[in-house]
């Protein structure tokens, strides 16, 4: 693998981390004006705002995930935390507010590319059956040894 291929996940991590941190900080501090949204999208956003906690929670997850990606530590965990936010953003823009879909698709591509680069970290989560401690212990102690 050449140097450029090795650097792609690192650059993608920094880029996604910077984007998510910027968006999260904007959600918390509101330094960018909110663009106008279609009526259906406004209703959805109004419902989220009415909870009183959803927007701060989403913004905090974006900031924490962005910091994790920028630091290069706990990258698989950061991607797992950010995945629901990214999926919701894609669906929101695809269904309710298509104007911002291009940027969100770039974020989705970065998320998928980084998840693919870290796929070994997700292998245990994708097993159909798992071993618990008690199952492992029962396997290690054979019936012949127990008698």
Foldseek 3Di string as FASTA:
>chain_A
DDPVVVCVLLVLLLVLLVVLLVVLVCLVPVPDDDDDWDPVLVVVVVVLVVVVCRSNVSSVLSNVLSVCSNVVHPVVVSLVSCVVVLVVVCCCCVPTNVPPNVVSVSSVVSSVVNCVVVVVVCVVVPDPDDDDPVNVVPVVCDPVNVD
